[in-house]
Amino acid sequence: MPEEIQEAVQSGHISEGHARAILSLESTKDQLYVLAEILHKKLSVRDVEKLVKLKASHPEQKSSKNFVSKIKLSTDRIKILSSKTRLAI
């Protein structure tokens, strides 16, 4: 499991259900793309399952042009929120 997904679960930004749905994708790139979509759009587990099913049925479909920037922003956001959570505890 990519570190970004582990951090998102540990920090409470996504649930274990979100993570299970993400992990059904084979490509790490696709997994991180879906993670970014969850964080950006606040998707439910059911929405993620639908998105994963769609991505799995269209693997040749290119991800968003902003994929790299979305992942970087999402990863940075997770790190910031995780550190704030640790400070609050």
PDB file of N, CA and C in Angstrom:
ATOM      1  N   MET A   1       0.849  -1.174   0.000  1.00  0.00           N
ATOM      2  CA  MET A   1       0.000   0.000   0.000  1.00  0.00           C
ATOM      3  C   MET A   1       0.894   1.236   0.000  1.00  0.00           C
ATOM      4  N   PRO A   2       0.632   2.191  -0.893  1.00  0.00           N
ATOM      5  CA  PRO A   2       1.437   3.406  -0.915  1.00  0.00           C
ATOM      6  C   PRO A   2       1.374   4.165   0.417  1.00  0.00           C
ATOM      7  N   GLU A   3       2.477   4.785   0.761  1.00  0.00           N
ATOM      8  CA  GLU A   3       2.590   5.514   2.026  1.00  0.00           C
ATOM      9  C   GLU A   3       1.506   6.589   2.169  1.00  0.00           C
ATOM     10  N   GLU A   4       1.173   7.250   1.075  1.00  0.00           N
ATOM     11  CA  GLU A   4       0.164   8.309   1.129  1.00  0.00           C
ATOM     12  C   GLU A   4      -1.194   7.773   1.571  1.00  0.00           C
ATOM     13  N   ILE A   5      -1.519   6.569   1.130  1.00  0.00           N
ATOM     14  CA  ILE A   5      -2.800   5.968   1.511  1.00  0.00           C
ATOM     15  C   ILE A   5      -2.756   5.564   2.986  1.00  0.00           C
ATOM     16  N   GLN A   6      -1.634   4.990   3.419  1.00  0.00           N
ATOM     17  CA  GLN A   6      -1.481   4.635   4.829  1.00  0.00           C
ATOM     18  C   GLN A   6      -1.635   5.862   5.721  1.00  0.00           C
ATOM     19  N   GLU A   7      -0.981   6.961   5.339  1.00  0.00           N
ATOM     20  CA  GLU A   7      -1.073   8.187   6.132  1.00  0.00           C
ATOM     21  C   GLU A   7      -2.497   8.734   6.152  1.00  0.00           C
ATOM     22  N   ALA A   8      -3.190   8.640   5.030  1.00  0.00           N
ATOM     23  CA  ALA A   8      -4.568   9.138   4.962  1.00  0.00           C
ATOM     24  C   ALA A   8      -5.483   8.339   5.885  1.00  0.00           C
ATOM     25  N   VAL A   9      -5.284   7.027   5.960  1.00  0.00           N
ATOM     26  CA  VAL A   9      -6.088   6.190   6.857  1.00  0.00           C
ATOM     27  C   VAL A   9      -5.735   6.494   8.303  1.00  0.00           C
ATOM     28  N   GLN A  10      -4.437   6.531   8.618  1.00  0.00           N
ATOM     29  CA  GLN A  10      -3.993   6.775   9.989  1.00  0.00           C
ATOM     30  C   GLN A  10      -4.446   8.130  10.515  1.00  0.00           C
ATOM     31  N   SER A  11      -4.481   9.117   9.630  1.00  0.00           N
ATOM     32  CA  SER A  11      -4.878  10.460  10.063  1.00  0.00           C
ATOM     33  C   SER A  11      -6.393  10.652  10.058  1.00  0.00           C
ATOM     34  N   GLY A  12      -7.132   9.650   9.544  1.00  0.00           N
ATOM     35  CA  GLY A  12      -8.579   9.721   9.543  1.00  0.00           C
ATOM     36  C   GLY A  12      -9.184  10.472   8.364  1.00  0.00           C
ATOM     37  N   HIS A  13      -8.372  10.785   7.364  1.00  0.00           N
ATOM     38  CA  HIS A  13      -8.886  11.508   6.207  1.00  0.00           C
ATOM     39  C   HIS A  13      -9.664  10.598   5.256  1.00  0.00           C
ATOM     40  N   ILE A  14      -9.352   9.308   5.289  1.00  0.00           N
ATOM     41  CA  ILE A  14     -10.145   8.323   4.567  1.00  0.00           C
ATOM     42  C   ILE A  14     -10.361   7.145   5.500  1.00  0.00           C
ATOM     43  N   SER A  15     -11.399   6.388   5.228  1.00  0.00           N
ATOM     44  CA  SER A  15     -11.703   5.225   6.067  1.00  0.00           C
ATOM     45  C   SER A  15     -11.003   3.979   5.522  1.00  0.00           C
ATOM     46  N   GLU A  16     -11.055   2.923   6.293  1.00  0.00           N
ATOM     47  CA  GLU A  16     -10.512   1.643   5.827  1.00  0.00           C
ATOM     48  C   GLU A  16     -11.296   1.154   4.608  1.00  0.00           C
ATOM     49  N   GLY A  17     -12.577   1.474   4.550  1.00  0.00           N
ATOM     50  CA  GLY A  17     -13.395   1.107   3.392  1.00  0.00           C
ATOM     51  C   GLY A  17     -12.906   1.796   2.132  1.00  0.00           C
ATOM     52  N   HIS A  18     -12.540   3.084   2.255  1.00  0.00           N
ATOM     53  CA  HIS A  18     -11.959   3.807   1.120  1.00  0.00           C
ATOM     54  C   HIS A  18     -10.676   3.099   0.673  1.00  0.00           C
ATOM     55  N   ALA A  19      -9.823   2.778   1.647  1.00  0.00           N
ATOM     56  CA  ALA A  19      -8.528   2.153   1.338  1.00  0.00           C
ATOM     57  C   ALA A  19      -8.721   0.809   0.645  1.00  0.00           C
ATOM     58  N   ARG A  20      -9.666  -0.005   1.130  1.00  0.00           N
ATOM     59  CA  ARG A  20      -9.914  -1.309   0.500  1.00  0.00           C
ATOM     60  C   ARG A  20     -10.331  -1.133  -0.958  1.00  0.00           C
ATOM     61  N   ALA A  21     -11.191  -0.157  -1.200  1.00  0.00           N
ATOM     62  CA  ALA A  21     -11.636   0.088  -2.578  1.00  0.00           C
ATOM     63  C   ALA A  21     -10.463   0.537  -3.446  1.00  0.00           C
ATOM     64  N   ILE A  22      -9.633   1.428  -2.923  1.00  0.00           N
ATOM     65  CA  ILE A  22      -8.472   1.922  -3.676  1.00  0.00           C
ATOM     66  C   ILE A  22      -7.527   0.775  -4.018  1.00  0.00           C
ATOM     67  N   LEU A  23      -7.296  -0.112  -3.055  1.00  0.00           N
ATOM     68  CA  LEU A  23      -6.320  -1.184  -3.240  1.00  0.00           C
ATOM     69  C   LEU A  23      -6.755  -2.233  -4.253  1.00  0.00           C
ATOM     70  N   SER A  24      -8.008  -2.186  -4.676  1.00  0.00           N
ATOM     71  CA  SER A  24      -8.418  -3.127  -5.712  1.00  0.00           C
ATOM     72  C   SER A  24      -7.867  -2.727  -7.081  1.00  0.00           C
ATOM     73  N   LEU A  25      -7.344  -1.506  -7.185  1.00  0.00           N
ATOM     74  CA  LEU A  25      -6.677  -1.079  -8.420  1.00  0.00           C
ATOM     75  C   LEU A  25      -5.246  -1.595  -8.415  1.00  0.00           C
ATOM     76  N   GLU A  26      -4.762  -2.042  -9.555  1.00  0.00           N
ATOM     77  CA  GLU A  26      -3.412  -2.601  -9.630  1.00  0.00           C
ATOM     78  C   GLU A  26      -2.326  -1.532  -9.670  1.00  0.00           C
ATOM     79  N   SER A  27      -2.574  -0.454 -10.367  1.00  0.00           N
ATOM     80  CA  SER A  27      -1.575   0.583 -10.578  1.00  0.00           C
ATOM     81  C   SER A  27      -1.490   1.543  -9.392  1.00  0.00           C
ATOM     82  N   THR A  28      -0.272   1.769  -8.910  1.00  0.00           N
ATOM     83  CA  THR A  28      -0.058   2.744  -7.836  1.00  0.00           C
ATOM     84  C   THR A  28      -0.495   4.129  -8.297  1.00  0.00           C
ATOM     85  N   LYS A  29      -0.234   4.442  -9.545  1.00  0.00           N
ATOM     86  CA  LYS A  29      -0.637   5.742 -10.095  1.00  0.00           C
ATOM     87  C   LYS A  29      -2.148   5.905 -10.007  1.00  0.00           C
ATOM     88  N   ASP A  30      -2.898   4.870 -10.379  1.00  0.00           N
ATOM     89  CA  ASP A  30      -4.354   4.920 -10.291  1.00  0.00           C
ATOM     90  C   ASP A  30      -4.820   5.008  -8.841  1.00  0.00           C
ATOM     91  N   GLN A  31      -4.158   4.282  -7.962  1.00  0.00           N
ATOM     92  CA  GLN A  31      -4.507   4.332  -6.541  1.00  0.00           C
ATOM     93  C   GLN A  31      -4.344   5.749  -5.990  1.00  0.00           C
ATOM     94  N   LEU A  32      -3.222   6.386  -6.334  1.00  0.00           N
ATOM     95  CA  LEU A  32      -2.971   7.741  -5.841  1.00  0.00           C
ATOM     96  C   LEU A  32      -3.920   8.751  -6.480  1.00  0.00           C
ATOM     97  N   TYR A  33      -4.278   8.505  -7.729  1.00  0.00           N
ATOM     98  CA  TYR A  33      -5.253   9.366  -8.397  1.00  0.00           C
ATOM     99  C   TYR A  33      -6.593   9.305  -7.661  1.00  0.00           C
ATOM    100  N   VAL A  34      -7.037   8.104  -7.334  1.00  0.00           N
ATOM    101  CA  VAL A  34      -8.313   7.947  -6.636  1.00  0.00           C
ATOM    102  C   VAL A  34      -8.227   8.572  -5.239  1.00  0.00           C
ATOM    103  N   LEU A  35      -7.103   8.416  -4.568  1.00  0.00           N
ATOM    104  CA  LEU A  35      -6.919   9.061  -3.259  1.00  0.00           C
ATOM    105  C   LEU A  35      -7.094  10.572  -3.394  1.00  0.00           C
ATOM    106  N   ALA A  36      -6.476  11.162  -4.400  1.00  0.00           N
ATOM    107  CA  ALA A  36      -6.595  12.605  -4.624  1.00  0.00           C
ATOM    108  C   ALA A  36      -8.052  13.001  -4.876  1.00  0.00           C
ATOM    109  N   GLU A  37      -8.766  12.177  -5.643  1.00  0.00           N
ATOM    110  CA  GLU A  37     -10.174  12.452  -5.919  1.00  0.00           C
ATOM    111  C   GLU A  37     -11.006  12.392  -4.632  1.00  0.00           C
ATOM    112  N   ILE A  38     -10.717  11.415  -3.782  1.00  0.00           N
ATOM    113  CA  ILE A  38     -11.439  11.288  -2.506  1.00  0.00           C
ATOM    114  C   ILE A  38     -11.239  12.544  -1.668  1.00  0.00           C
ATOM    115  N   LEU A  39      -9.999  12.955  -1.548  1.00  0.00           N
ATOM    116  CA  LEU A  39      -9.692  14.110  -0.704  1.00  0.00           C
ATOM    117  C   LEU A  39     -10.241  15.398  -1.303  1.00  0.00           C
ATOM    118  N   HIS A  40     -10.150  15.521  -2.606  1.00  0.00           N
ATOM    119  CA  HIS A  40     -10.594  16.750  -3.265  1.00  0.00           C
ATOM    120  C   HIS A  40     -12.114  16.865  -3.289  1.00  0.00           C
ATOM    121  N   LYS A  41     -12.787  15.751  -3.569  1.00  0.00           N
ATOM    122  CA  LYS A  41     -14.243  15.781  -3.743  1.00  0.00           C
ATOM    123  C   LYS A  41     -15.015  15.224  -2.550  1.00  0.00           C
ATOM    124  N   LYS A  42     -14.271  14.756  -1.520  1.00  0.00           N
ATOM    125  CA  LYS A  42     -14.901  14.181  -0.322  1.00  0.00           C
ATOM    126  C   LYS A  42     -15.867  13.049  -0.697  1.00  0.00           C
ATOM    127  N   LEU A  43     -15.357  12.102  -1.471  1.00  0.00           N
ATOM    128  CA  LEU A  43     -16.174  10.995  -1.970  1.00  0.00           C
ATOM    129  C   LEU A  43     -16.500   9.991  -0.869  1.00  0.00           C
ATOM    130  N   SER A  44     -17.679   9.410  -0.945  1.00  0.00           N
ATOM    131  CA  SER A  44     -18.068   8.335  -0.031  1.00  0.00           C
ATOM    132  C   SER A  44     -17.407   7.035  -0.501  1.00  0.00           C
ATOM    133  N   VAL A  45     -17.458   6.020   0.340  1.00  0.00           N
ATOM    134  CA  VAL A  45     -16.911   4.713  -0.033  1.00  0.00           C
ATOM    135  C   VAL A  45     -17.638   4.178  -1.263  1.00  0.00           C
ATOM    136  N   ARG A  46     -18.950   4.335  -1.317  1.00  0.00           N
ATOM    137  CA  ARG A  46     -19.722   3.860  -2.479  1.00  0.00           C
ATOM    138  C   ARG A  46     -19.292   4.590  -3.754  1.00  0.00           C
ATOM    139  N   ASP A  47     -19.070   5.910  -3.641  1.00  0.00           N
ATOM    140  CA  ASP A  47     -18.589   6.671  -4.801  1.00  0.00           C
ATOM    141  C   ASP A  47     -17.227   6.166  -5.259  1.00  0.00           C
ATOM    142  N   VAL A  48     -16.371   5.850  -4.306  1.00  0.00           N
ATOM    143  CA  VAL A  48     -15.031   5.351  -4.628  1.00  0.00           C
ATOM    144  C   VAL A  48     -15.130   3.992  -5.304  1.00  0.00           C
ATOM    145  N   GLU A  49     -15.999   3.138  -4.803  1.00  0.00           N
ATOM    146  CA  GLU A  49     -16.179   1.827  -5.432  1.00  0.00           C
ATOM    147  C   GLU A  49     -16.618   1.981  -6.881  1.00  0.00           C
ATOM    148  N   LYS A  50     -17.507   2.922  -7.159  1.00  0.00           N
ATOM    149  CA  LYS A  50     -17.946   3.173  -8.535  1.00  0.00           C
ATOM    150  C   LYS A  50     -16.796   3.706  -9.388  1.00  0.00           C
ATOM    151  N   LEU A  51     -16.024   4.640  -8.832  1.00  0.00           N
ATOM    152  CA  LEU A  51     -14.891   5.211  -9.553  1.00  0.00           C
ATOM    153  C   LEU A  51     -13.852   4.138  -9.862  1.00  0.00           C
ATOM    154  N   VAL A  52     -13.567   3.283  -8.889  1.00  0.00           N
ATOM    155  CA  VAL A  52     -12.594   2.207  -9.078  1.00  0.00           C
ATOM    156  C   VAL A  52     -13.082   1.244 -10.159  1.00  0.00           C
ATOM    157  N   LYS A  53     -14.364   0.914 -10.121  1.00  0.00           N
ATOM    158  CA  LYS A  53     -14.926   0.015 -11.134  1.00  0.00           C
ATOM    159  C   LYS A  53     -14.803   0.643 -12.523  1.00  0.00           C
ATOM    160  N   LEU A  54     -15.060   1.925 -12.617  1.00  0.00           N
ATOM    161  CA  LEU A  54     -14.940   2.646 -13.884  1.00  0.00           C
ATOM    162  C   LEU A  54     -13.489   2.655 -14.365  1.00  0.00           C
ATOM    163  N   LYS A  55     -12.555   2.951 -13.470  1.00  0.00           N
ATOM    164  CA  LYS A  55     -11.135   2.981 -13.842  1.00  0.00           C
ATOM    165  C   LYS A  55     -10.661   1.592 -14.257  1.00  0.00           C
ATOM    166  N   ALA A  56     -11.121   0.564 -13.560  1.00  0.00           N
ATOM    167  CA  ALA A  56     -10.705  -0.802 -13.882  1.00  0.00           C
ATOM    168  C   ALA A  56     -11.245  -1.238 -15.243  1.00  0.00           C
ATOM    169  N   SER A  57     -12.428  -0.741 -15.603  1.00  0.00           N
ATOM    170  CA  SER A  57     -13.006  -1.133 -16.891  1.00  0.00           C
ATOM    171  C   SER A  57     -12.460  -0.298 -18.051  1.00  0.00           C
ATOM    172  N   HIS A  58     -11.756   0.785 -17.746  1.00  0.00           N
ATOM    173  CA  HIS A  58     -11.155   1.650 -18.765  1.00  0.00           C
ATOM    174  C   HIS A  58      -9.705   1.963 -18.404  1.00  0.00           C
ATOM    175  N   PRO A  59      -8.851   0.947 -18.311  1.00  0.00           N
ATOM    176  CA  PRO A  59      -7.471   1.186 -17.861  1.00  0.00           C
ATOM    177  C   PRO A  59      -6.664   2.065 -18.801  1.00  0.00           C
ATOM    178  N   GLU A  60      -7.041   2.120 -20.079  1.00  0.00           N
ATOM    179  CA  GLU A  60      -6.295   2.925 -21.039  1.00  0.00           C
ATOM    180  C   GLU A  60      -6.632   4.411 -20.924  1.00  0.00           C
ATOM    181  N   GLN A  61      -7.715   4.720 -20.212  1.00  0.00           N
ATOM    182  CA  GLN A  61      -8.140   6.101 -20.063  1.00  0.00           C
ATOM    183  C   GLN A  61      -7.093   6.870 -19.259  1.00  0.00           C
ATOM    184  N   LYS A  62      -6.688   8.015 -19.774  1.00  0.00           N
ATOM    185  CA  LYS A  62      -5.685   8.838 -19.101  1.00  0.00           C
ATOM    186  C   LYS A  62      -6.301   9.493 -17.878  1.00  0.00           C
ATOM    187  N   SER A  63      -5.474   9.668 -16.855  1.00  0.00           N
ATOM    188  CA  SER A  63      -5.906  10.391 -15.668  1.00  0.00           C
ATOM    189  C   SER A  63      -5.908  11.877 -15.982  1.00  0.00           C
ATOM    190  N   SER A  64      -6.429  12.623 -15.067  1.00  0.00           N
ATOM    191  CA  SER A  64      -6.514  14.070 -15.216  1.00  0.00           C
ATOM    192  C   SER A  64      -5.159  14.694 -15.538  1.00  0.00           C
ATOM    193  N   LYS A  65      -5.169  15.800 -16.304  1.00  0.00           N
ATOM    194  CA  LYS A  65      -3.931  16.528 -16.611  1.00  0.00           C
ATOM    195  C   LYS A  65      -3.277  17.026 -15.336  1.00  0.00           C
ATOM    196  N   ASN A  66      -4.071  17.301 -14.348  1.00  0.00           N
ATOM    197  CA  ASN A  66      -3.560  17.845 -13.091  1.00  0.00           C
ATOM    198  C   ASN A  66      -3.200  16.756 -12.091  1.00  0.00           C
ATOM    199  N   PHE A  67      -3.030  15.531 -12.577  1.00  0.00           N
ATOM    200  CA  PHE A  67      -2.780  14.392 -11.685  1.00  0.00           C
ATOM    201  C   PHE A  67      -1.622  14.647 -10.728  1.00  0.00           C
ATOM    202  N   VAL A  68      -0.470  15.045 -11.259  1.00  0.00           N
ATOM    203  CA  VAL A  68       0.720  15.219 -10.426  1.00  0.00           C
ATOM    204  C   VAL A  68       0.495  16.309  -9.392  1.00  0.00           C
ATOM    205  N   SER A  69      -0.083  17.420  -9.789  1.00  0.00           N
ATOM    206  CA  SER A  69      -0.311  18.505  -8.832  1.00  0.00           C
ATOM    207  C   SER A  69      -1.353  18.113  -7.792  1.00  0.00           C
ATOM    208  N   LYS A  70      -2.374  17.348  -8.190  1.00  0.00           N
ATOM    209  CA  LYS A  70      -3.383  16.891  -7.232  1.00  0.00           C
ATOM    210  C   LYS A  70      -2.751  15.987  -6.183  1.00  0.00           C
ATOM    211  N   ILE A  71      -1.904  15.064  -6.634  1.00  0.00           N
ATOM    212  CA  ILE A  71      -1.258  14.146  -5.704  1.00  0.00           C
ATOM    213  C   ILE A  71      -0.355  14.910  -4.752  1.00  0.00           C
ATOM    214  N   LYS A  72       0.428  15.839  -5.280  1.00  0.00           N
ATOM    215  CA  LYS A  72       1.333  16.615  -4.424  1.00  0.00           C
ATOM    216  C   LYS A  72       0.538  17.411  -3.402  1.00  0.00           C
ATOM    217  N   LEU A  73      -0.527  18.084  -3.840  1.00  0.00           N
ATOM    218  CA  LEU A  73      -1.347  18.859  -2.914  1.00  0.00           C
ATOM    219  C   LEU A  73      -2.006  17.964  -1.876  1.00  0.00           C
ATOM    220  N   SER A  74      -2.515  16.828  -2.297  1.00  0.00           N
ATOM    221  CA  SER A  74      -3.171  15.907  -1.372  1.00  0.00           C
ATOM    222  C   SER A  74      -2.182  15.349  -0.359  1.00  0.00           C
ATOM    223  N   THR A  75      -1.002  14.985  -0.835  1.00  0.00           N
ATOM    224  CA  THR A  75       0.023  14.448   0.059  1.00  0.00           C
ATOM    225  C   THR A  75       0.464  15.507   1.054  1.00  0.00           C
ATOM    226  N   ASP A  76       0.697  16.725   0.576  1.00  0.00           N
ATOM    227  CA  ASP A  76       1.082  17.821   1.474  1.00  0.00           C
ATOM    228  C   ASP A  76      -0.011  18.086   2.499  1.00  0.00           C
ATOM    229  N   ARG A  77      -1.265  18.046   2.050  1.00  0.00           N
ATOM    230  CA  ARG A  77      -2.396  18.281   2.955  1.00  0.00           C
ATOM    231  C   ARG A  77      -2.464  17.211   4.042  1.00  0.00           C
ATOM    232  N   ILE A  78      -2.251  15.959   3.654  1.00  0.00           N
ATOM    233  CA  ILE A  78      -2.261  14.866   4.632  1.00  0.00           C
ATOM    234  C   ILE A  78      -1.171  15.081   5.665  1.00  0.00           C
ATOM    235  N   LYS A  79       0.031  15.426   5.208  1.00  0.00           N
ATOM    236  CA  LYS A  79       1.149  15.631   6.136  1.00  0.00           C
ATOM    237  C   LYS A  79       0.875  16.777   7.098  1.00  0.00           C
ATOM    238  N   ILE A  80       0.332  17.877   6.588  1.00  0.00           N
ATOM    239  CA  ILE A  80       0.026  19.027   7.439  1.00  0.00           C
ATOM    240  C   ILE A  80      -1.044  18.664   8.461  1.00  0.00           C
ATOM    241  N   LEU A  81      -2.112  18.032   7.994  1.00  0.00           N
ATOM    242  CA  LEU A  81      -3.192  17.669   8.906  1.00  0.00           C
ATOM    243  C   LEU A  81      -2.752  16.612   9.911  1.00  0.00           C
ATOM    244  N   SER A  82      -1.879  15.700   9.483  1.00  0.00           N
ATOM    245  CA  SER A  82      -1.375  14.683  10.413  1.00  0.00           C
ATOM    246  C   SER A  82      -0.544  15.326  11.513  1.00  0.00           C
ATOM    247  N   SER A  83       0.296  16.288  11.139  1.00  0.00           N
ATOM    248  CA  SER A  83       1.130  16.941  12.147  1.00  0.00           C
ATOM    249  C   SER A  83       0.268  17.771  13.094  1.00  0.00           C
ATOM    250  N   LYS A  84      -0.781  18.410  12.580  1.00  0.00           N
ATOM    251  CA  LYS A  84      -1.685  19.173  13.452  1.00  0.00           C
ATOM    252  C   LYS A  84      -2.406  18.241  14.428  1.00  0.00           C
ATOM    253  N   THR A  85      -2.797  17.071  13.947  1.00  0.00           N
ATOM    254  CA  THR A  85      -3.466  16.094  14.799  1.00  0.00           C
ATOM    255  C   THR A  85      -2.543  15.631  15.917  1.00  0.00           C
ATOM    256  N   ARG A  86      -1.288  15.364  15.561  1.00  0.00           N
ATOM    257  CA  ARG A  86      -0.318  14.943  16.585  1.00  0.00           C
ATOM    258  C   ARG A  86      -0.111  16.024  17.613  1.00  0.00           C
ATOM    259  N   LEU A  87      -0.040  17.292  17.179  1.00  0.00           N
ATOM    260  CA  LEU A  87       0.150  18.406  18.105  1.00  0.00           C
ATOM    261  C   LEU A  87      -1.045  18.567  19.039  1.00  0.00           C
ATOM    262  N   ALA A  88      -2.237  18.315  18.523  1.00  0.00           N
ATOM    263  CA  ALA A  88      -3.439  18.463  19.320  1.00  0.00           C
ATOM    264  C   ALA A  88      -3.550  17.384  20.402  1.00  0.00           C
ATOM    265  N   ILE A  89      -2.955  16.254  20.145  1.00  0.00           N
ATOM    266  CA  ILE A  89      -3.024  15.128  21.090  1.00  0.00           C
ATOM    267  C   ILE A  89      -1.983  15.354  22.135  1.00  0.00           C
TER     268      ILE A  89
END
